[in-house]
Amino acid sequence: MGSADRGAILVRQRCASCHAVERSGDSPMTAATPFRDMGVLYPVRDLQEAFAEGLVTAHPAMPPVELQPTEIADIIAYLETVSGTGPGR
């Protein structure tokens, strides 16, 4: 099981320049989905496979993302927390 606290650190370091990663606020890049919406738009657990394979999107500004298994678990835990879709919501 991942740590939402460690996931928060990761997304603030690696994702916040484009995505809104907190419970409120706009994404710095308008086309970047806020993290709080990802758990509503997609089953967060389904994103685990995408993270493991390396995120590659059709969006030209999105860099390729490669994560270690522990980082994936931490980001999943954070996404569940920030979107309110995780266990104990």
PDB file of N, CA and C in Angstrom:
ATOM      1  N   MET A   1       0.846  -1.181   0.000  1.00  0.00           N
ATOM      2  CA  MET A   1       0.000   0.000   0.000  1.00  0.00           C
ATOM      3  C   MET A   1       0.884   1.235   0.000  1.00  0.00           C
ATOM      4  N   GLY A   2       0.517   2.204  -0.798  1.00  0.00           N
ATOM      5  CA  GLY A   2       1.298   3.422  -0.934  1.00  0.00           C
ATOM      6  C   GLY A   2       1.015   4.440   0.148  1.00  0.00           C
ATOM      7  N   SER A   3       1.825   5.453   0.167  1.00  0.00           N
ATOM      8  CA  SER A   3       1.702   6.551   1.119  1.00  0.00           C
ATOM      9  C   SER A   3       1.236   7.803   0.382  1.00  0.00           C
ATOM     10  N   ALA A   4       0.071   8.312   0.757  1.00  0.00           N
ATOM     11  CA  ALA A   4      -0.435   9.539   0.150  1.00  0.00           C
ATOM     12  C   ALA A   4       0.499  10.711   0.449  1.00  0.00           C
ATOM     13  N   ASP A   5       1.146  10.703   1.598  1.00  0.00           N
ATOM     14  CA  ASP A   5       2.081  11.786   1.933  1.00  0.00           C
ATOM     15  C   ASP A   5       3.280  11.790   0.988  1.00  0.00           C
ATOM     16  N   ARG A   6       3.839  10.615   0.730  1.00  0.00           N
ATOM     17  CA  ARG A   6       4.955  10.535  -0.220  1.00  0.00           C
ATOM     18  C   ARG A   6       4.477  10.858  -1.637  1.00  0.00           C
ATOM     19  N   GLY A   7       3.273  10.415  -1.971  1.00  0.00           N
ATOM     20  CA  GLY A   7       2.697  10.730  -3.283  1.00  0.00           C
ATOM     21  C   GLY A   7       2.515  12.220  -3.485  1.00  0.00           C
ATOM     22  N   ALA A   8       2.098  12.909  -2.418  1.00  0.00           N
ATOM     23  CA  ALA A   8       1.929  14.368  -2.495  1.00  0.00           C
ATOM     24  C   ALA A   8       3.255  15.048  -2.811  1.00  0.00           C
ATOM     25  N   ILE A   9       4.314  14.591  -2.186  1.00  0.00           N
ATOM     26  CA  ILE A   9       5.637  15.162  -2.449  1.00  0.00           C
ATOM     27  C   ILE A   9       6.025  14.935  -3.910  1.00  0.00           C
ATOM     28  N   LEU A  10       5.822  13.707  -4.384  1.00  0.00           N
ATOM     29  CA  LEU A  10       6.165  13.376  -5.774  1.00  0.00           C
ATOM     30  C   LEU A  10       5.405  14.241  -6.776  1.00  0.00           C
ATOM     31  N   VAL A  11       4.096  14.352  -6.609  1.00  0.00           N
ATOM     32  CA  VAL A  11       3.323  15.110  -7.599  1.00  0.00           C
ATOM     33  C   VAL A  11       3.622  16.600  -7.509  1.00  0.00           C
ATOM     34  N   ARG A  12       3.922  17.087  -6.321  1.00  0.00           N
ATOM     35  CA  ARG A  12       4.303  18.506  -6.212  1.00  0.00           C
ATOM     36  C   ARG A  12       5.623  18.766  -6.927  1.00  0.00           C
ATOM     37  N   GLN A  13       6.546  17.816  -6.849  1.00  0.00           N
ATOM     38  CA  GLN A  13       7.847  17.970  -7.499  1.00  0.00           C
ATOM     39  C   GLN A  13       7.775  17.764  -9.011  1.00  0.00           C
ATOM     40  N   ARG A  14       6.995  16.763  -9.440  1.00  0.00           N
ATOM     41  CA  ARG A  14       7.076  16.327 -10.836  1.00  0.00           C
ATOM     42  C   ARG A  14       5.889  16.714 -11.716  1.00  0.00           C
ATOM     43  N   CYS A  15       4.784  17.117 -11.096  1.00  0.00           N
ATOM     44  CA  CYS A  15       3.571  17.318 -11.893  1.00  0.00           C
ATOM     45  C   CYS A  15       2.953  18.718 -11.759  1.00  0.00           C
ATOM     46  N   ALA A  16       3.263  19.405 -10.673  1.00  0.00           N
ATOM     47  CA  ALA A  16       2.578  20.656 -10.352  1.00  0.00           C
ATOM     48  C   ALA A  16       2.890  21.810 -11.298  1.00  0.00           C
ATOM     49  N   SER A  17       3.928  21.690 -12.112  1.00  0.00           N
ATOM     50  CA  SER A  17       4.202  22.782 -13.050  1.00  0.00           C
ATOM     51  C   SER A  17       3.129  22.847 -14.144  1.00  0.00           C
ATOM     52  N   CYS A  18       2.403  21.751 -14.352  1.00  0.00           N
ATOM     53  CA  CYS A  18       1.330  21.724 -15.350  1.00  0.00           C
ATOM     54  C   CYS A  18      -0.048  21.448 -14.744  1.00  0.00           C
ATOM     55  N   HIS A  19      -0.114  20.508 -13.775  1.00  0.00           N
ATOM     56  CA  HIS A  19      -1.387  20.076 -13.193  1.00  0.00           C
ATOM     57  C   HIS A  19      -1.652  20.736 -11.848  1.00  0.00           C
ATOM     58  N   ALA A  20      -2.925  21.029 -11.584  1.00  0.00           N
ATOM     59  CA  ALA A  20      -3.332  21.374 -10.221  1.00  0.00           C
ATOM     60  C   ALA A  20      -3.262  20.068  -9.436  1.00  0.00           C
ATOM     61  N   VAL A  21      -2.498  20.036  -8.358  1.00  0.00           N
ATOM     62  CA  VAL A  21      -2.330  18.791  -7.609  1.00  0.00           C
ATOM     63  C   VAL A  21      -3.000  18.834  -6.240  1.00  0.00           C
ATOM     64  N   GLU A  22      -3.604  19.966  -5.905  1.00  0.00           N
ATOM     65  CA  GLU A  22      -4.269  20.116  -4.611  1.00  0.00           C
ATOM     66  C   GLU A  22      -5.783  19.983  -4.781  1.00  0.00           C
ATOM     67  N   ARG A  23      -6.505  20.101  -3.685  1.00  0.00           N
ATOM     68  CA  ARG A  23      -7.978  19.966  -3.708  1.00  0.00           C
ATOM     69  C   ARG A  23      -8.673  21.157  -4.362  1.00  0.00           C
ATOM     70  N   SER A  24      -7.958  22.247  -4.599  1.00  0.00           N
ATOM     71  CA  SER A  24      -8.548  23.408  -5.256  1.00  0.00           C
ATOM     72  C   SER A  24      -7.482  24.073  -6.121  1.00  0.00           C
ATOM     73  N   GLY A  25      -7.907  24.991  -6.928  1.00  0.00           N
ATOM     74  CA  GLY A  25      -6.993  25.733  -7.785  1.00  0.00           C
ATOM     75  C   GLY A  25      -7.000  25.223  -9.208  1.00  0.00           C
ATOM     76  N   ASP A  26      -6.565  26.105 -10.102  1.00  0.00           N
ATOM     77  CA  ASP A  26      -6.517  25.786 -11.523  1.00  0.00           C
ATOM     78  C   ASP A  26      -5.166  25.188 -11.881  1.00  0.00           C
ATOM     79  N   SER A  27      -5.151  24.366 -12.909  1.00  0.00           N
ATOM     80  CA  SER A  27      -3.897  23.834 -13.422  1.00  0.00           C
ATOM     81  C   SER A  27      -3.127  24.971 -14.100  1.00  0.00           C
ATOM     82  N   PRO A  28      -1.812  25.065 -13.866  1.00  0.00           N
ATOM     83  CA  PRO A  28      -1.023  26.077 -14.553  1.00  0.00           C
ATOM     84  C   PRO A  28      -1.125  25.960 -16.081  1.00  0.00           C
ATOM     85  N   MET A  29      -1.239  24.733 -16.593  1.00  0.00           N
ATOM     86  CA  MET A  29      -1.482  24.517 -18.015  1.00  0.00           C
ATOM     87  C   MET A  29      -2.955  24.161 -18.151  1.00  0.00           C
ATOM     88  N   THR A  30      -3.688  24.994 -18.819  1.00  0.00           N
ATOM     89  CA  THR A  30      -5.141  24.854 -18.908  1.00  0.00           C
ATOM     90  C   THR A  30      -5.587  23.465 -19.341  1.00  0.00           C
ATOM     91  N   ALA A  31      -4.878  22.839 -20.267  1.00  0.00           N
ATOM     92  CA  ALA A  31      -5.284  21.527 -20.788  1.00  0.00           C
ATOM     93  C   ALA A  31      -4.956  20.377 -19.835  1.00  0.00           C
ATOM     94  N   ALA A  32      -4.200  20.635 -18.779  1.00  0.00           N
ATOM     95  CA  ALA A  32      -3.782  19.574 -17.854  1.00  0.00           C
ATOM     96  C   ALA A  32      -4.882  19.327 -16.818  1.00  0.00           C
ATOM     97  N   THR A  33      -5.364  18.099 -16.764  1.00  0.00           N
ATOM     98  CA  THR A  33      -6.433  17.732 -15.839  1.00  0.00           C
ATOM     99  C   THR A  33      -5.975  17.904 -14.395  1.00  0.00           C
ATOM    100  N   PRO A  34      -6.772  18.593 -13.562  1.00  0.00           N
ATOM    101  CA  PRO A  34      -6.434  18.655 -12.137  1.00  0.00           C
ATOM    102  C   PRO A  34      -6.442  17.247 -11.534  1.00  0.00           C
ATOM    103  N   PHE A  35      -5.495  16.978 -10.657  1.00  0.00           N
ATOM    104  CA  PHE A  35      -5.405  15.655 -10.046  1.00  0.00           C
ATOM    105  C   PHE A  35      -6.678  15.297  -9.286  1.00  0.00           C
ATOM    106  N   ARG A  36      -7.343  16.278  -8.686  1.00  0.00           N
ATOM    107  CA  ARG A  36      -8.563  15.980  -7.920  1.00  0.00           C
ATOM    108  C   ARG A  36      -9.673  15.446  -8.818  1.00  0.00           C
ATOM    109  N   ASP A  37      -9.600  15.742 -10.126  1.00  0.00           N
ATOM    110  CA  ASP A  37     -10.616  15.269 -11.067  1.00  0.00           C
ATOM    111  C   ASP A  37     -10.280  13.894 -11.643  1.00  0.00           C
ATOM    112  N   MET A  38      -9.017  13.500 -11.570  1.00  0.00           N
ATOM    113  CA  MET A  38      -8.621  12.229 -12.189  1.00  0.00           C
ATOM    114  C   MET A  38      -9.339  11.028 -11.589  1.00  0.00           C
ATOM    115  N   GLY A  39      -9.542  11.032 -10.274  1.00  0.00           N
ATOM    116  CA  GLY A  39     -10.219   9.923  -9.625  1.00  0.00           C
ATOM    117  C   GLY A  39     -11.691   9.859  -9.948  1.00  0.00           C
ATOM    118  N   VAL A  40     -12.238  10.978 -10.411  1.00  0.00           N
ATOM    119  CA  VAL A  40     -13.639  11.027 -10.805  1.00  0.00           C
ATOM    120  C   VAL A  40     -13.770  10.625 -12.280  1.00  0.00           C
ATOM    121  N   LEU A  41     -12.819  11.055 -13.100  1.00  0.00           N
ATOM    122  CA  LEU A  41     -12.864  10.766 -14.524  1.00  0.00           C
ATOM    123  C   LEU A  41     -12.429   9.342 -14.858  1.00  0.00           C
ATOM    124  N   TYR A  42     -11.486   8.818 -14.086  1.00  0.00           N
ATOM    125  CA  TYR A  42     -10.917   7.487 -14.344  1.00  0.00           C
ATOM    126  C   TYR A  42     -10.873   6.705 -13.039  1.00  0.00           C
ATOM    127  N   PRO A  43     -11.120   5.405 -13.087  1.00  0.00           N
ATOM    128  CA  PRO A  43     -10.878   4.612 -11.877  1.00  0.00           C
ATOM    129  C   PRO A  43      -9.375   4.686 -11.560  1.00  0.00           C
ATOM    130  N   VAL A  44      -9.023   5.256 -10.436  1.00  0.00           N
ATOM    131  CA  VAL A  44      -7.625   5.516 -10.095  1.00  0.00           C
ATOM    132  C   VAL A  44      -6.794   4.238 -10.158  1.00  0.00           C
ATOM    133  N   ARG A  45      -7.333   3.143  -9.682  1.00  0.00           N
ATOM    134  CA  ARG A  45      -6.572   1.881  -9.706  1.00  0.00           C
ATOM    135  C   ARG A  45      -6.221   1.475 -11.145  1.00  0.00           C
ATOM    136  N   ASP A  46      -7.061   1.856 -12.108  1.00  0.00           N
ATOM    137  CA  ASP A  46      -6.768   1.536 -13.504  1.00  0.00           C
ATOM    138  C   ASP A  46      -5.560   2.316 -14.018  1.00  0.00           C
ATOM    139  N   LEU A  47      -5.254   3.437 -13.387  1.00  0.00           N
ATOM    140  CA  LEU A  47      -4.101   4.235 -13.794  1.00  0.00           C
ATOM    141  C   LEU A  47      -2.788   3.561 -13.406  1.00  0.00           C
ATOM    142  N   GLN A  48      -2.853   2.624 -12.474  1.00  0.00           N
ATOM    143  CA  GLN A  48      -1.646   1.945 -12.015  1.00  0.00           C
ATOM    144  C   GLN A  48      -0.907   1.292 -13.186  1.00  0.00           C
ATOM    145  N   GLU A  49      -1.630   0.625 -14.066  1.00  0.00           N
ATOM    146  CA  GLU A  49      -1.001  -0.030 -15.216  1.00  0.00           C
ATOM    147  C   GLU A  49      -0.372   1.003 -16.151  1.00  0.00           C
ATOM    148  N   ALA A  50      -1.080   2.098 -16.385  1.00  0.00           N
ATOM    149  CA  ALA A  50      -0.533   3.150 -17.250  1.00  0.00           C
ATOM    150  C   ALA A  50       0.755   3.721 -16.660  1.00  0.00           C
ATOM    151  N   PHE A  51       0.760   3.949 -15.351  1.00  0.00           N
ATOM    152  CA  PHE A  51       1.973   4.452 -14.702  1.00  0.00           C
ATOM    153  C   PHE A  51       3.112   3.439 -14.821  1.00  0.00           C
ATOM    154  N   ALA A  52       2.798   2.170 -14.679  1.00  0.00           N
ATOM    155  CA  ALA A  52       3.826   1.130 -14.726  1.00  0.00           C
ATOM    156  C   ALA A  52       4.433   1.014 -16.128  1.00  0.00           C
ATOM    157  N   GLU A  53       3.605   1.200 -17.145  1.00  0.00           N
ATOM    158  CA  GLU A  53       4.088   1.090 -18.514  1.00  0.00           C
ATOM    159  C   GLU A  53       4.804   2.350 -18.970  1.00  0.00           C
ATOM    160  N   GLY A  54       4.648   3.423 -18.232  1.00  0.00           N
ATOM    161  CA  GLY A  54       5.221   4.717 -18.614  1.00  0.00           C
ATOM    162  C   GLY A  54       4.166   5.539 -19.308  1.00  0.00           C
ATOM    163  N   LEU A  55       3.827   6.651 -18.712  1.00  0.00           N
ATOM    164  CA  LEU A  55       2.794   7.492 -19.293  1.00  0.00           C
ATOM    165  C   LEU A  55       3.314   8.165 -20.555  1.00  0.00           C
ATOM    166  N   VAL A  56       2.598   7.940 -21.622  1.00  0.00           N
ATOM    167  CA  VAL A  56       2.864   8.628 -22.868  1.00  0.00           C
ATOM    168  C   VAL A  56       1.504   9.084 -23.364  1.00  0.00           C
ATOM    169  N   THR A  57       1.379  10.371 -23.632  1.00  0.00           N
ATOM    170  CA  THR A  57       0.086  10.888 -24.063  1.00  0.00           C
ATOM    171  C   THR A  57       0.215  11.515 -25.439  1.00  0.00           C
ATOM    172  N   ALA A  58      -0.910  11.804 -26.031  1.00  0.00           N
ATOM    173  CA  ALA A  58      -0.921  12.482 -27.323  1.00  0.00           C
ATOM    174  C   ALA A  58      -0.648  13.972 -27.151  1.00  0.00           C
ATOM    175  N   HIS A  59      -0.673  14.442 -25.918  1.00  0.00           N
ATOM    176  CA  HIS A  59      -0.434  15.857 -25.662  1.00  0.00           C
ATOM    177  C   HIS A  59       1.065  16.134 -25.791  1.00  0.00           C
ATOM    178  N   PRO A  60       1.463  16.982 -26.720  1.00  0.00           N
ATOM    179  CA  PRO A  60       2.891  17.183 -26.978  1.00  0.00           C
ATOM    180  C   PRO A  60       3.679  17.767 -25.809  1.00  0.00           C
ATOM    181  N   ALA A  61       3.021  18.487 -24.925  1.00  0.00           N
ATOM    182  CA  ALA A  61       3.736  19.100 -23.799  1.00  0.00           C
ATOM    183  C   ALA A  61       3.954  18.128 -22.641  1.00  0.00           C
ATOM    184  N   MET A  62       3.253  16.991 -22.654  1.00  0.00           N
ATOM    185  CA  MET A  62       3.387  16.023 -21.562  1.00  0.00           C
ATOM    186  C   MET A  62       4.638  15.189 -21.778  1.00  0.00           C
ATOM    187  N   PRO A  63       5.600  15.325 -20.861  1.00  0.00           N
ATOM    188  CA  PRO A  63       6.819  14.519 -21.029  1.00  0.00           C
ATOM    189  C   PRO A  63       6.544  13.055 -20.700  1.00  0.00           C
ATOM    190  N   PRO A  64       7.352  12.141 -21.234  1.00  0.00           N
ATOM    191  CA  PRO A  64       7.206  10.738 -20.844  1.00  0.00           C
ATOM    192  C   PRO A  64       7.476  10.607 -19.341  1.00  0.00           C
ATOM    193  N   VAL A  65       6.693   9.791 -18.683  1.00  0.00           N
ATOM    194  CA  VAL A  65       6.823   9.617 -17.238  1.00  0.00           C
ATOM    195  C   VAL A  65       7.150   8.163 -16.946  1.00  0.00           C
ATOM    196  N   GLU A  66       8.242   7.941 -16.245  1.00  0.00           N
ATOM    197  CA  GLU A  66       8.604   6.597 -15.805  1.00  0.00           C
ATOM    198  C   GLU A  66       8.703   6.608 -14.291  1.00  0.00           C
ATOM    199  N   LEU A  67       8.028   5.658 -13.660  1.00  0.00           N
ATOM    200  CA  LEU A  67       7.956   5.607 -12.201  1.00  0.00           C
ATOM    201  C   LEU A  67       8.331   4.225 -11.685  1.00  0.00           C
ATOM    202  N   GLN A  68       8.886   4.203 -10.497  1.00  0.00           N
ATOM    203  CA  GLN A  68       9.187   2.957  -9.800  1.00  0.00           C
ATOM    204  C   GLN A  68       7.899   2.443  -9.155  1.00  0.00           C
ATOM    205  N   PRO A  69       7.797   1.137  -8.895  1.00  0.00           N
ATOM    206  CA  PRO A  69       6.582   0.582  -8.289  1.00  0.00           C
ATOM    207  C   PRO A  69       6.167   1.284  -6.988  1.00  0.00           C
ATOM    208  N   THR A  70       7.107   1.626  -6.134  1.00  0.00           N
ATOM    209  CA  THR A  70       6.733   2.309  -4.882  1.00  0.00           C
ATOM    210  C   THR A  70       6.206   3.714  -5.164  1.00  0.00           C
ATOM    211  N   GLU A  71       6.762   4.383  -6.175  1.00  0.00           N
ATOM    212  CA  GLU A  71       6.275   5.715  -6.533  1.00  0.00           C
ATOM    213  C   GLU A  71       4.852   5.624  -7.085  1.00  0.00           C
ATOM    214  N   ILE A  72       4.595   4.600  -7.875  1.00  0.00           N
ATOM    215  CA  ILE A  72       3.248   4.401  -8.425  1.00  0.00           C
ATOM    216  C   ILE A  72       2.246   4.207  -7.294  1.00  0.00           C
ATOM    217  N   ALA A  73       2.562   3.362  -6.351  1.00  0.00           N
ATOM    218  CA  ALA A  73       1.656   3.119  -5.215  1.00  0.00           C
ATOM    219  C   ALA A  73       1.417   4.408  -4.438  1.00  0.00           C
ATOM    220  N   ASP A  74       2.459   5.207  -4.259  1.00  0.00           N
ATOM    221  CA  ASP A  74       2.324   6.460  -3.519  1.00  0.00           C
ATOM    222  C   ASP A  74       1.451   7.463  -4.280  1.00  0.00           C
ATOM    223  N   ILE A  75       1.643   7.554  -5.591  1.00  0.00           N
ATOM    224  CA  ILE A  75       0.836   8.484  -6.386  1.00  0.00           C
ATOM    225  C   ILE A  75      -0.618   8.033  -6.442  1.00  0.00           C
ATOM    226  N   ILE A  76      -0.852   6.738  -6.565  1.00  0.00           N
ATOM    227  CA  ILE A  76      -2.226   6.211  -6.539  1.00  0.00           C
ATOM    228  C   ILE A  76      -2.888   6.567  -5.204  1.00  0.00           C
ATOM    229  N   ALA A  77      -2.185   6.366  -4.102  1.00  0.00           N
ATOM    230  CA  ALA A  77      -2.731   6.704  -2.780  1.00  0.00           C
ATOM    231  C   ALA A  77      -3.051   8.193  -2.705  1.00  0.00           C
ATOM    232  N   TYR A  78      -2.179   9.026  -3.251  1.00  0.00           N
ATOM    233  CA  TYR A  78      -2.433  10.468  -3.239  1.00  0.00           C
ATOM    234  C   TYR A  78      -3.635  10.827  -4.114  1.00  0.00           C
ATOM    235  N   LEU A  79      -3.717  10.241  -5.320  1.00  0.00           N
ATOM    236  CA  LEU A  79      -4.854  10.525  -6.200  1.00  0.00           C
ATOM    237  C   LEU A  79      -6.174  10.142  -5.537  1.00  0.00           C
ATOM    238  N   GLU A  80      -6.192   9.005  -4.847  1.00  0.00           N
ATOM    239  CA  GLU A  80      -7.413   8.594  -4.139  1.00  0.00           C
ATOM    240  C   GLU A  80      -7.760   9.594  -3.034  1.00  0.00           C
ATOM    241  N   THR A  81      -6.754  10.117  -2.379  1.00  0.00           N
ATOM    242  CA  THR A  81      -6.988  11.079  -1.300  1.00  0.00           C
ATOM    243  C   THR A  81      -7.486  12.411  -1.847  1.00  0.00           C
ATOM    244  N   VAL A  82      -6.777  12.959  -2.823  1.00  0.00           N
ATOM    245  CA  VAL A  82      -7.109  14.290  -3.333  1.00  0.00           C
ATOM    246  C   VAL A  82      -8.431  14.302  -4.102  1.00  0.00           C
ATOM    247  N   SER A  83      -8.795  13.169  -4.698  1.00  0.00           N
ATOM    248  CA  SER A  83     -10.052  13.104  -5.447  1.00  0.00           C
ATOM    249  C   SER A  83     -11.220  12.642  -4.574  1.00  0.00           C
ATOM    250  N   GLY A  84     -10.917  12.176  -3.369  1.00  0.00           N
ATOM    251  CA  GLY A  84     -11.977  11.692  -2.482  1.00  0.00           C
ATOM    252  C   GLY A  84     -12.560  10.374  -2.921  1.00  0.00           C
ATOM    253  N   THR A  85     -11.806   9.583  -3.682  1.00  0.00           N
ATOM    254  CA  THR A  85     -12.327   8.314  -4.196  1.00  0.00           C
ATOM    255  C   THR A  85     -11.709   7.088  -3.534  1.00  0.00           C
ATOM    256  N   GLY A  86     -10.810   7.295  -2.606  1.00  0.00           N
ATOM    257  CA  GLY A  86     -10.105   6.180  -1.980  1.00  0.00           C
ATOM    258  C   GLY A  86     -10.900   5.530  -0.862  1.00  0.00           C
ATOM    259  N   PRO A  87     -10.303   4.513  -0.259  1.00  0.00           N
ATOM    260  CA  PRO A  87     -10.931   3.836   0.869  1.00  0.00           C
ATOM    261  C   PRO A  87     -11.201   4.825   2.007  1.00  0.00           C
ATOM    262  N   GLY A  88     -12.316   4.676   2.642  1.00  0.00           N
ATOM    263  CA  GLY A  88     -12.665   5.526   3.775  1.00  0.00           C
ATOM    264  C   GLY A  88     -13.067   6.925   3.375  1.00  0.00           C
ATOM    265  N   ARG A  89     -13.511   7.085   2.134  1.00  0.00           N
ATOM    266  CA  ARG A  89     -13.888   8.431   1.688  1.00  0.00           C
ATOM    267  C   ARG A  89     -15.050   8.922   2.382  1.00  0.00           C
TER     268      ARG A  89
END
